[in-house]
């Protein structure tokens, strides 16, 4: 027998007012400005709300007011633990201010980014935190022009005029990674990065080049992948190992590094770190849990998320502020053998 689905009609403010014997304005005041209503009347309205099971429609109320208590957070890849940690920090800070975070994943696609930005605008979010696919996109400039509070996250300051940012010094992080490899005597280095349209990839490439250029006899190859995932690192590594592999790899993120290490392990002809030293970027929790723990550049992901929300809600975006965190190097067995 087919089950018939029934719906319970939503209780209206008008019904609450009729039950309590007051005007619609009085119910509105009890809901939004209870201090304006006498205690006896307020208690009567609250009793009617409880008896009828009234639930206020905050979404409709916020849209009528012209904004919501939501913040849009748009990141490049939700499969990357770095962005999930960033979102956790943003969510914690937003809740402390009475806001919620709506998370969107672009997967590095400009089309998905456009769609999410349109959706956030339709929902009239209070502001947007975004790790953009590209800094050349017109819609990001349009965000600044519309005066919708927007903060670039994990993004170098000044990339888009009129928008503030919270990020890590990626050039410094790349220099730390490459200087560590050079200090171990490695001279044939390779930077494994994603699309160079992504600002973070460009900054990390530039930082790696700066470090190599400072050491005579060292040289750097650059290999770009279509995406920044484990599969991309695995595919790139499998191709590189067919030729003459480098003696050190610096990857644009930990997922690429993990994929490359899997390729080395599958090949069987090389070992880490004896033949090839590997450094990642982000220092995700999995980095230290691998069979060969991964040396990585640490980013304070949760702190970045928290700082971005505080900047967004702080009311000083007209001053175009930028906050830059310093990265750190976490050395593990993918570059230095235990006891060495």
Protein backbone atom coordinates (compact mmCIF):
# COMPACT_ATOMS: atom_id res chain seq x y z
CA UNK A 1 0.00 0.00 0.00
CA UNK A 2 1.31 3.37 -0.96
CA UNK A 3 2.15 5.63 1.96
CA UNK A 4 0.52 9.06 1.78
CA UNK A 5 2.78 11.86 2.86
CA UNK A 6 1.11 14.53 4.94
CA UNK A 7 2.40 17.97 5.82
CA UNK A 8 1.62 20.02 8.88
CA UNK A 9 0.62 23.62 8.04
CA UNK A 10 3.07 26.20 9.36
CA UNK A 11 1.70 28.25 12.25
CA UNK A 12 1.60 31.93 11.33
CA UNK A 13 2.31 35.05 13.36
CA UNK A 14 -1.33 35.99 12.77
CA UNK A 15 -2.48 32.82 14.54
CA UNK A 16 -0.17 33.56 17.49
CA UNK A 17 -1.57 37.09 17.75
CA UNK A 18 -5.16 35.79 17.69
CA UNK A 19 -4.44 33.17 20.38
CA UNK A 20 -2.75 35.74 22.64
CA UNK A 21 -5.33 38.47 21.91
CA UNK A 22 -2.72 41.00 20.79
CA UNK A 23 -1.75 42.78 17.58
CA UNK A 24 0.73 41.49 15.00
CA UNK A 25 3.09 44.29 16.01
CA UNK A 26 3.09 43.09 19.60
CA UNK A 27 4.05 39.56 18.53
CA UNK A 28 6.82 41.03 16.37
CA UNK A 29 8.13 43.01 19.33
CA UNK A 30 8.13 39.91 21.55
CA UNK A 31 10.15 38.07 18.91
CA UNK A 32 12.59 40.86 18.09
CA UNK A 33 12.46 43.52 20.82
CA UNK A 34 11.03 41.83 23.94
CA UNK A 35 12.19 44.65 26.22
CA UNK A 36 9.51 46.90 24.65
CA UNK A 37 6.66 44.64 25.78
CA UNK A 38 5.15 44.49 29.28
CA UNK A 39 6.02 41.30 31.15
CA UNK A 40 2.39 40.15 31.39
CA UNK A 41 1.75 40.59 27.65
CA UNK A 42 5.09 39.03 26.77
CA UNK A 43 4.28 35.94 28.84
CA UNK A 44 0.89 35.62 27.14
CA UNK A 45 2.46 35.76 23.67
CA UNK A 46 5.17 33.27 24.65
CA UNK A 47 2.51 30.89 25.97
CA UNK A 48 0.62 31.14 22.65
CA UNK A 49 3.86 30.44 20.74
CA UNK A 50 4.45 27.33 22.85
CA UNK A 51 0.86 26.09 22.63
CA UNK A 52 0.68 26.47 18.84
CA UNK A 53 4.21 25.21 18.18
CA UNK A 54 5.16 28.36 16.29
CA UNK A 55 8.64 28.39 14.70
CA UNK A 56 9.92 31.68 13.36
CA UNK A 57 11.14 31.77 9.77
CA UNK A 58 14.53 33.42 10.23
CA UNK A 59 15.46 33.03 6.56
CA UNK A 60 12.47 35.07 5.40
CA UNK A 61 13.04 37.65 8.12
CA UNK A 62 16.68 38.08 7.19
CA UNK A 63 15.91 38.41 3.51
CA UNK A 64 13.36 41.13 4.26
CA UNK A 65 16.00 42.90 6.31
CA UNK A 66 18.42 42.74 3.38
CA UNK A 67 21.02 40.36 4.84
CA UNK A 68 21.35 37.09 6.69
CA UNK A 69 23.34 35.74 9.62
CA UNK A 70 25.28 33.49 7.26
CA UNK A 71 28.79 33.81 5.87
CA UNK A 72 29.72 32.17 2.57
CA UNK A 73 33.04 30.28 2.58
CA UNK A 74 34.33 29.18 -0.83
CA UNK A 75 37.43 26.95 -1.02
CA UNK A 76 39.36 25.19 -3.78
CA UNK A 77 39.09 21.59 -2.57
CA UNK A 78 37.15 20.13 0.34
CA UNK A 79 39.06 16.85 0.03
CA UNK A 80 42.18 18.70 1.21
CA UNK A 81 42.30 18.56 5.04
CA UNK A 82 43.92 22.01 5.08
CA UNK A 83 40.70 23.60 3.86
CA UNK A 84 38.61 21.57 6.28
CA UNK A 85 40.75 22.80 9.17
CA UNK A 86 40.40 26.34 7.84
CA UNK A 87 36.61 25.90 7.68
CA UNK A 88 36.59 24.57 11.25
CA UNK A 89 38.34 27.71 12.48
CA UNK A 90 36.01 29.96 10.50
CA UNK A 91 32.94 28.14 11.80
CA UNK A 92 34.11 28.43 15.41
CA UNK A 93 34.69 32.17 15.08
CA UNK A 94 31.42 32.75 13.22
CA UNK A 95 29.34 30.93 15.85
CA UNK A 96 30.88 33.05 18.58
CA UNK A 97 29.37 36.07 16.80
CA UNK A 98 26.00 34.43 16.15
CA UNK A 99 26.69 33.59 12.50
CA UNK A 100 26.78 30.33 10.57
CA UNK A 101 29.13 29.35 7.74
CA UNK A 102 27.86 28.03 4.40
CA UNK A 103 30.67 26.06 2.73
CA UNK A 104 31.14 25.82 -1.02
CA UNK A 105 33.68 23.71 -2.95
CA UNK A 106 34.87 24.95 -6.36
CA UNK A 107 37.13 21.99 -7.21
CA UNK A 108 39.34 24.57 -8.89
CA UNK A 109 36.61 25.36 -11.42
CA UNK A 110 35.89 28.97 -12.37
CA UNK A 111 32.37 27.95 -13.44
CA UNK A 112 31.61 26.42 -10.03
CA UNK A 113 33.07 29.50 -8.37
CA UNK A 114 30.75 31.75 -10.41
CA UNK A 115 27.74 29.60 -9.54
CA UNK A 116 28.49 29.69 -5.81
CA UNK A 117 29.09 33.44 -5.80
CA UNK A 118 25.75 33.99 -7.54
CA UNK A 119 24.07 31.73 -4.98
CA UNK A 120 25.66 33.57 -2.05
CA UNK A 121 24.51 36.88 -3.50
CA UNK A 122 20.96 35.55 -3.90
CA UNK A 123 20.97 34.34 -0.31
CA UNK A 124 22.16 37.80 0.76
CA UNK A 125 24.93 36.45 2.94
CA UNK A 126 26.50 38.87 5.39
CA UNK A 127 29.88 38.42 3.74
CA UNK A 128 32.10 36.09 1.75
CA UNK A 129 35.39 34.36 2.50
CA UNK A 130 36.98 33.00 -0.65
CA UNK A 131 40.06 31.20 -1.88
CA UNK A 132 39.71 32.20 -5.54
CA UNK A 133 40.46 29.96 -8.49
CA UNK A 134 42.16 32.90 -10.18
CA UNK A 135 42.92 36.50 -9.26
CA UNK A 136 42.08 37.73 -12.76
CA UNK A 137 38.37 36.97 -12.51
CA UNK A 138 36.08 39.92 -13.16
CA UNK A 139 33.48 38.73 -10.67
CA UNK A 140 35.92 39.17 -7.77
CA UNK A 141 36.49 42.77 -8.77
CA UNK A 142 32.70 43.08 -8.98
CA UNK A 143 32.44 41.88 -5.38
CA UNK A 144 34.65 44.75 -4.28
CA UNK A 145 32.59 47.20 -6.35
CA UNK A 146 29.34 46.01 -4.75
CA UNK A 147 30.77 46.64 -1.28
CA UNK A 148 29.74 43.16 -0.17
CA UNK A 149 32.12 42.40 2.71
CA UNK A 150 34.69 40.00 1.24
CA UNK A 151 37.96 38.61 2.53
CA UNK A 152 40.40 36.60 0.44
CA UNK A 153 41.57 33.54 2.37
CA UNK A 154 44.91 31.77 1.88
CA UNK A 155 45.65 34.47 -0.67
CA UNK A 156 48.56 36.89 -0.99
CA UNK A 157 47.70 40.49 -0.01
CA UNK A 158 47.05 43.02 -2.73
CA UNK A 159 46.25 40.48 -5.47
CA UNK A 160 42.84 42.07 -6.06
CA UNK A 161 42.53 45.82 -5.37
CA UNK A 162 39.88 46.69 -2.83
CA UNK A 163 39.72 43.27 -1.17
CA UNK A 164 41.32 42.35 2.15
CA UNK A 165 43.11 39.09 2.81
CA UNK A 166 44.33 36.62 5.40
CA UNK A 167 47.10 34.30 4.29
CA UNK A 168 50.46 32.68 4.93
CA UNK A 169 53.66 34.00 3.37
CA UNK A 170 53.87 31.34 0.65
CA UNK A 171 57.12 32.62 -0.84
CA UNK A 172 58.76 32.31 2.56
CA UNK A 173 57.29 28.84 3.02
CA UNK A 174 58.70 27.71 -0.32
CA UNK A 175 62.11 29.13 0.53
CA UNK A 176 62.10 27.26 3.85
CA UNK A 177 61.28 24.00 2.05
CA UNK A 178 63.94 24.39 -0.65
CA UNK A 179 66.61 25.74 1.70
CA UNK A 180 66.09 22.64 3.84
CA UNK A 181 66.62 20.39 0.81
CA UNK A 182 69.69 22.35 -0.25
CA UNK A 183 71.13 22.10 3.25
CA UNK A 184 71.01 18.30 2.85
CA UNK A 185 73.21 18.54 -0.23
CA UNK A 186 70.41 18.11 -2.77
CA UNK A 187 71.05 20.01 -5.99
CA UNK A 188 68.73 18.50 -8.64
CA UNK A 189 65.39 19.76 -7.38
CA UNK A 190 61.91 19.58 -8.80
CA UNK A 191 58.88 21.67 -7.91
CA UNK A 192 55.66 19.70 -8.34
CA UNK A 193 52.76 22.14 -8.50
CA UNK A 194 49.20 22.45 -9.68
CA UNK A 195 47.82 24.90 -12.24
CA UNK A 196 49.93 28.07 -12.28
CA UNK A 197 46.69 30.06 -12.53
CA UNK A 198 46.32 29.44 -8.77
CA UNK A 199 48.06 32.28 -6.92
CA UNK A 200 49.42 30.05 -4.14
CA UNK A 201 51.09 27.80 -6.72
CA UNK A 202 52.71 30.80 -8.39
CA UNK A 203 53.98 32.18 -5.07
CA UNK A 204 55.42 28.81 -4.03
CA UNK A 205 57.09 28.41 -7.42
CA UNK A 206 58.65 31.86 -7.13
CA UNK A 207 59.88 31.18 -3.59
CA UNK A 208 61.44 27.88 -4.68
CA UNK A 209 63.23 29.59 -7.56
CA UNK A 210 64.57 32.31 -5.27
CA UNK A 211 66.09 29.74 -2.91
CA UNK A 212 67.69 27.70 -5.72
CA UNK A 213 69.15 30.76 -7.44
CA UNK A 214 71.05 31.61 -4.24
CA UNK A 215 73.04 28.34 -4.36
CA UNK A 216 75.61 27.81 -7.16
CA UNK A 217 75.27 24.45 -8.89
CA UNK A 218 71.65 23.93 -7.86
CA UNK A 219 68.86 23.89 -10.40
CA UNK A 220 65.10 23.54 -10.35
CA UNK A 221 62.66 21.89 -12.72
CA UNK A 222 58.97 22.83 -12.56
CA UNK A 223 56.21 20.34 -13.36
CA UNK A 224 52.61 21.56 -13.23
CA UNK A 225 49.64 19.26 -12.78
CA UNK A 226 46.02 19.80 -13.75
CA UNK A 227 44.84 19.57 -10.14
CA UNK A 228 46.36 19.38 -6.65
CA UNK A 229 45.24 15.91 -5.56
CA UNK A 230 46.94 12.64 -4.65
CA UNK A 231 46.11 11.14 -8.06
CA UNK A 232 47.88 14.05 -9.79
CA UNK A 233 51.01 13.52 -7.71
CA UNK A 234 50.91 9.79 -8.42
CA UNK A 235 50.54 10.28 -12.18
CA UNK A 236 53.28 12.91 -12.34
CA UNK A 237 55.62 10.79 -10.23
CA UNK A 238 55.06 7.70 -12.36
CA UNK A 239 56.11 9.64 -15.49
CA UNK A 240 59.12 11.29 -13.84
CA UNK A 241 60.50 7.98 -12.59
CA UNK A 242 60.61 6.64 -16.15
CA UNK A 243 63.35 9.14 -16.91
CA UNK A 244 66.03 10.65 -14.71
CA UNK A 245 64.33 11.57 -11.43
CA UNK A 246 65.46 14.52 -9.28
CA UNK A 247 67.19 13.98 -5.96
CA UNK A 248 64.60 16.16 -4.20
CA UNK A 249 60.97 17.12 -4.73
CA UNK A 250 59.12 20.06 -3.23
CA UNK A 251 55.38 19.69 -3.78
CA UNK A 252 52.87 22.56 -3.75
CA UNK A 253 50.78 20.71 -1.17
CA UNK A 254 50.86 17.53 0.90
CA UNK A 255 48.39 15.68 -1.32
CA UNK A 256 50.69 16.01 -4.34
CA UNK A 257 53.63 14.95 -2.17
CA UNK A 258 51.76 11.88 -0.92
CA UNK A 259 50.88 10.91 -4.49
CA UNK A 260 54.50 11.29 -5.58
CA UNK A 261 55.70 9.16 -2.66
CA UNK A 262 53.24 6.43 -3.65
CA UNK A 263 54.70 6.48 -7.17
CA UNK A 264 58.20 6.03 -5.76
CA UNK A 265 57.10 3.16 -3.56
CA UNK A 266 55.27 1.49 -6.47
CA UNK A 267 58.28 1.86 -8.75
CA UNK A 268 60.56 0.04 -6.35
CA UNK A 269 63.81 1.30 -7.84
CA UNK A 270 64.24 4.29 -5.57
CA UNK A 271 63.95 4.97 -1.86
CA UNK A 272 62.88 7.96 0.22
CA UNK A 273 64.83 9.89 1.44
CA UNK A 274 68.06 8.18 0.35
CA UNK A 275 67.50 8.67 -3.39
CA UNK A 276 64.76 11.29 -3.40
CA UNK A 277 63.92 13.64 -0.53
CA UNK A 278 60.34 14.95 -0.47
CA UNK A 279 58.81 18.04 1.13
CA UNK A 280 55.10 18.90 1.09
CA UNK A 281 53.11 21.99 2.01
CA UNK A 282 50.23 22.44 4.53
CA UNK A 283 51.35 19.93 7.19
CA UNK A 284 47.99 18.17 7.21
CA UNK A 285 47.37 15.63 10.02
CA UNK A 286 48.00 12.67 7.67
CA UNK A 287 51.55 13.92 6.99
CA UNK A 288 52.96 12.40 10.17
CA UNK A 289 50.90 9.19 9.88
CA UNK A 290 52.38 7.96 6.61
CA UNK A 291 54.67 4.92 6.38
CA UNK A 292 57.41 7.47 5.73
CA UNK A 293 56.30 10.58 7.65
CA UNK A 294 56.31 13.62 5.39
CA UNK A 295 58.41 16.73 5.96
CA UNK A 296 56.09 19.67 5.33
CA UNK A 297 55.59 23.41 5.58
CA UNK A 298 53.13 24.11 8.38
CA UNK A 299 50.24 26.52 7.92
CA UNK A 300 48.03 27.46 10.91
CA UNK A 301 44.84 26.60 9.03
CA UNK A 302 42.33 27.04 11.87
CA UNK A 303 43.90 30.34 12.90
CA UNK A 304 43.63 31.58 9.31
CA UNK A 305 39.91 30.74 9.26
CA UNK A 306 39.32 32.44 12.60
CA UNK A 307 41.26 35.55 11.58
CA UNK A 308 39.34 35.81 8.30
CA UNK A 309 35.98 35.81 10.10
CA UNK A 310 37.18 38.37 12.65
CA UNK A 311 38.38 40.59 9.82
CA UNK A 312 35.10 40.18 7.93
CA UNK A 313 32.95 41.07 10.93
CA UNK A 314 35.29 43.68 12.40
CA UNK A 315 33.87 46.56 10.38
CA UNK A 316 37.21 47.85 9.06
CA UNK A 317 37.30 46.40 5.56
CA UNK A 318 37.24 49.90 4.06
CA UNK A 319 40.82 50.22 5.32
CA UNK A 320 41.70 47.20 3.13
CA UNK A 321 43.54 45.29 5.89
CA UNK A 322 45.80 42.29 5.26
CA UNK A 323 47.02 39.73 7.77
CA UNK A 324 50.02 37.57 6.96
CA UNK A 325 50.94 34.50 9.01
CA UNK A 326 54.44 33.03 8.97
CA UNK A 327 54.85 29.38 7.93
CA UNK A 328 57.16 26.89 9.64
CA UNK A 329 59.15 23.83 8.60
CA UNK A 330 58.28 20.46 10.18
CA UNK A 331 61.07 17.98 9.47
CA UNK A 332 60.20 14.28 9.24
CA UNK A 333 61.59 11.09 7.68
CA UNK A 334 60.86 11.94 4.03
CA UNK A 335 63.95 14.16 4.05
CA UNK A 336 66.03 13.01 7.05
CA UNK A 337 66.49 9.41 8.18
CA UNK A 338 65.78 8.72 11.88
CA UNK A 339 68.88 9.27 13.96
CA UNK A 340 70.77 11.11 11.25
